[in-house]
Amino acid sequence: MSKQLLNEAELLLFGHWEQATHLERSLERIRQKYSALYSQVADEVRKAHPKLDGNVTYITQRWGDGTIGFSRKCWPEGAGDWPPGLWIENLRLEILVDDSAPPPLATIWIPPKACKVLGKDVSFVRERFQTRAREILTPDEFKRHILCDGTDNSVLYIRTISKRELIEGISPDEGHGLVQALAREIDEMTLLLPAIDEAFGS
């Protein structure tokens, strides 16, 4: 018995091809507008923190989970596609609207490649960062803001905004709520910039 080419859902779309095409174009316009909000986030962060002169934004690419990052070009590998610095991930719309998908996650990330450029061991750089971070934040602040030490190449996971806050920030005021929420999040993370500088010996 031959296998059916299209499944039930695909057959439904095929039977309403014109409407599905209109929907497809509408979804793409939404993605473009959503992505444009992150250009505004980058502008806000650059104005508030000129030292963060590196920015990477992968928000709507299907191969990723939706990520925005801020770095300094003076840091090792600071001009690369995935530089060390302040990152927030799990921001792609498909993830935000999926209740079973993970929430947004903020991280301080120092890639092993950057440590290699310095000729230093990853564990040494991580320990140097952690020591400085605990000097910058009080024990209470550390407890309130830090989710946990990174279990991968991230040196810290940071408590961040909820999916709901981001979703609700998209609609009113041309997405101003989302832009301001993310800019505030990065603003709080910049407290730890001296710890990254210390880790790199900057």
Protein backbone atom coordinates (compact mmCIF):
# COMPACT_ATOMS: atom_id res chain seq x y z
CA MET A 1 0.00 0.00 0.00
CA SER A 2 1.48 3.36 -1.03
CA LYS A 3 2.11 5.98 1.62
CA GLN A 4 0.08 9.19 1.40
CA LEU A 5 2.20 12.17 0.31
CA LEU A 6 0.51 14.76 2.56
CA ASN A 7 -0.73 14.29 6.11
CA GLU A 8 -4.14 15.50 7.30
CA ALA A 9 -2.95 18.96 8.38
CA GLU A 10 -1.03 19.44 5.12
CA LEU A 11 -4.03 18.39 3.08
CA LEU A 12 -6.12 20.98 4.92
CA LEU A 13 -3.62 23.71 4.04
CA PHE A 14 -3.36 22.45 0.46
CA GLY A 15 -7.13 22.70 0.14
CA HIS A 16 -7.01 26.34 1.32
CA TRP A 17 -3.78 27.32 -0.39
CA GLU A 18 -4.60 30.96 -1.10
CA GLN A 19 -5.67 31.64 2.50
CA ALA A 20 -2.63 29.75 3.81
CA THR A 21 -0.35 31.86 1.62
CA HIS A 22 -1.88 35.05 3.00
CA LEU A 23 -1.38 33.72 6.53
CA GLU A 24 2.23 32.82 5.72
CA ARG A 25 2.94 36.38 4.53
CA SER A 26 1.25 37.82 7.63
CA LEU A 27 3.40 35.66 9.91
CA GLU A 28 6.54 36.84 8.12
CA ARG A 29 5.50 40.49 8.56
CA ILE A 30 4.98 39.85 12.28
CA ARG A 31 8.47 38.31 12.51
CA GLN A 32 9.99 41.33 10.76
CA LYS A 33 8.26 43.76 13.11
CA TYR A 34 9.23 41.66 16.11
CA SER A 35 12.86 41.55 14.99
CA ALA A 36 12.84 45.34 14.51
CA LEU A 37 12.01 45.74 18.22
CA TYR A 38 15.38 44.19 19.05
CA SER A 39 17.15 46.81 16.95
CA GLN A 40 15.48 49.33 19.27
CA VAL A 41 16.70 47.35 22.29
CA ALA A 42 20.25 47.47 20.91
CA ASP A 43 19.97 51.24 20.37
CA GLU A 44 18.72 51.78 23.94
CA VAL A 45 21.55 49.70 25.40
CA ARG A 46 24.22 51.44 23.30
CA LYS A 47 22.97 54.86 24.41
CA ALA A 48 22.99 53.87 28.08
CA HIS A 49 26.23 51.88 27.97
CA PRO A 50 28.60 53.09 25.21
CA LYS A 51 31.28 50.62 26.37
CA LEU A 52 29.07 47.81 25.05
CA ASP A 53 30.17 48.43 21.48
CA GLY A 54 29.44 44.92 20.21
CA ASN A 55 25.96 43.55 19.56
CA VAL A 56 24.67 40.31 18.05
CA THR A 57 20.98 39.67 17.38
CA TYR A 58 19.53 36.37 16.13
CA ILE A 59 15.84 36.69 16.91
CA THR A 60 13.76 35.05 14.16
CA GLN A 61 16.21 32.57 12.59
CA ARG A 62 14.65 29.11 12.63
CA TRP A 63 17.96 27.44 13.48
CA GLY A 64 18.18 29.29 16.81
CA ASP A 65 16.16 29.93 19.94
CA GLY A 66 16.11 33.71 19.59
CA THR A 67 19.12 35.44 21.10
CA ILE A 68 20.47 38.93 21.72
CA GLY A 69 23.95 39.59 23.06
CA PHE A 70 26.12 42.56 24.02
CA SER A 71 29.89 42.60 24.18
CA ARG A 72 33.00 44.80 24.13
CA LYS A 73 35.31 44.73 21.14
CA CYS A 74 38.32 44.99 23.46
CA TRP A 75 37.49 41.55 24.91
CA PRO A 76 39.06 38.50 23.24
CA GLU A 77 36.91 37.29 20.35
CA GLY A 78 34.76 40.39 20.93
CA ALA A 79 34.17 40.83 17.22
CA GLY A 80 33.04 37.23 16.57
CA ASP A 81 29.57 35.86 15.87
CA TRP A 82 29.20 34.58 19.46
CA PRO A 83 31.35 36.93 21.55
CA PRO A 84 31.71 36.85 25.34
CA GLY A 85 29.35 39.10 27.23
CA LEU A 86 25.74 39.57 28.28
CA TRP A 87 23.20 37.33 26.55
CA ILE A 88 19.46 36.70 26.72
CA GLU A 89 18.09 33.67 24.88
CA ASN A 90 14.81 31.82 24.24
CA LEU A 91 13.30 34.95 22.65
CA ARG A 92 12.04 33.55 19.33
CA LEU A 93 8.29 34.00 19.00
CA GLU A 94 7.67 30.29 18.52
CA ILE A 95 9.32 29.68 21.91
CA LEU A 96 7.62 32.59 23.70
CA VAL A 97 4.11 31.42 22.79
CA ASP A 98 4.80 27.74 23.58
CA ASP A 99 3.93 27.01 27.22
CA SER A 100 6.08 23.87 27.17
CA ALA A 101 9.18 25.69 25.89
CA PRO A 102 11.80 27.11 28.30
CA PRO A 103 11.49 30.71 29.55
CA PRO A 104 13.91 33.51 28.62
CA LEU A 105 17.35 32.92 30.08
CA ALA A 106 20.01 35.56 30.77
CA THR A 107 23.65 34.53 30.92
CA ILE A 108 27.12 35.92 31.32
CA TRP A 109 29.12 33.93 28.78
CA ILE A 110 32.88 33.62 28.38
CA PRO A 111 33.67 31.17 25.55
CA PRO A 112 36.65 28.81 25.91
CA LYS A 113 38.01 30.26 22.65
CA ALA A 114 38.38 33.66 24.34
CA CYS A 115 40.32 32.06 27.21
CA LYS A 116 42.56 30.33 24.67
CA VAL A 117 43.36 33.68 23.06
CA LEU A 118 44.51 34.89 26.48
CA GLY A 119 46.52 31.74 27.03
CA LYS A 120 44.58 31.05 30.23
CA ASP A 121 42.70 28.03 31.50
CA VAL A 122 38.90 28.28 31.39
CA SER A 123 38.57 27.37 35.08
CA PHE A 124 41.02 30.14 36.00
CA VAL A 125 39.03 32.77 34.07
CA ARG A 126 35.72 31.52 35.51
CA GLU A 127 37.08 31.64 39.08
CA ARG A 128 38.46 35.13 38.54
CA PHE A 129 35.07 36.28 37.29
CA GLN A 130 33.15 34.65 40.15
CA THR A 131 35.41 36.21 42.77
CA ARG A 132 34.91 39.71 41.35
CA ALA A 133 31.16 39.19 40.87
CA ARG A 134 30.73 38.31 44.55
CA GLU A 135 32.62 41.50 45.47
CA ILE A 136 30.34 43.62 43.27
CA LEU A 137 27.06 42.14 44.49
CA THR A 138 26.07 41.85 48.10
CA PRO A 139 25.12 38.32 49.26
CA ASP A 140 21.45 39.37 49.15
CA GLU A 141 21.79 40.74 45.60
CA PHE A 142 23.61 37.61 44.51
CA LYS A 143 20.82 35.47 45.94
CA ARG A 144 18.07 37.59 44.32
CA HIS A 145 19.63 38.05 40.89
CA ILE A 146 21.73 34.96 40.24
CA LEU A 147 19.88 31.81 39.27
CA CYS A 148 22.96 29.57 39.49
CA ASP A 149 26.52 29.16 38.36
CA GLY A 150 26.69 28.11 34.73
CA THR A 151 26.85 24.38 34.08
CA ASP A 152 28.21 24.89 30.56
CA ASN A 153 30.48 27.65 29.26
CA SER A 154 28.26 30.30 30.84
CA VAL A 155 29.71 31.62 34.06
CA LEU A 156 26.37 32.72 35.50
CA TYR A 157 22.69 32.18 34.82
CA ILE A 158 20.69 35.24 35.82
CA ARG A 159 17.04 35.51 36.82
CA THR A 160 15.26 37.29 34.01
CA ILE A 161 11.92 38.56 32.74
CA SER A 162 9.03 36.19 32.10
CA LYS A 163 7.48 35.15 28.80
CA ARG A 164 4.29 36.89 29.84
CA GLU A 165 6.06 40.22 30.40
CA LEU A 166 7.59 40.06 26.93
CA ILE A 167 4.40 38.96 25.17
CA GLU A 168 2.34 41.65 26.89
CA GLY A 169 4.97 44.21 25.97
CA ILE A 170 4.62 43.56 22.23
CA SER A 171 1.13 44.93 21.57
CA PRO A 172 0.69 48.32 23.29
CA ASP A 173 2.70 51.42 22.39
CA GLU A 174 4.29 49.83 19.31
CA GLY A 175 6.20 47.33 21.42
CA HIS A 176 7.71 49.95 23.73
CA GLY A 177 7.02 47.74 26.77
CA LEU A 178 9.14 44.89 25.41
CA VAL A 179 11.99 47.23 24.44
CA GLN A 180 12.08 48.86 27.86
CA ALA A 181 11.83 45.54 29.73
CA LEU A 182 14.80 44.06 27.87
CA ALA A 183 16.84 47.27 28.11
CA ARG A 184 16.29 47.26 31.89
CA GLU A 185 17.37 43.63 32.05
CA ILE A 186 20.62 44.36 30.25
CA ASP A 187 21.09 47.46 32.41
CA GLU A 188 21.02 45.31 35.56
CA MET A 189 23.46 42.84 34.01
CA THR A 190 25.97 45.62 33.29
CA LEU A 191 26.73 45.70 37.01
CA LEU A 192 28.89 42.67 36.27
CA LEU A 193 30.90 44.24 33.44
CA PRO A 194 33.85 44.90 35.79
CA ALA A 195 33.87 41.19 36.64
CA ILE A 196 34.23 40.29 32.95
CA ASP A 197 36.98 42.90 32.58
CA GLU A 198 38.70 41.39 35.61
CA ALA A 199 38.40 37.87 34.17
CA PHE A 200 40.12 39.04 30.98
CA GLY A 201 42.64 41.19 32.82
CA SER A 202 41.30 44.31 31.05
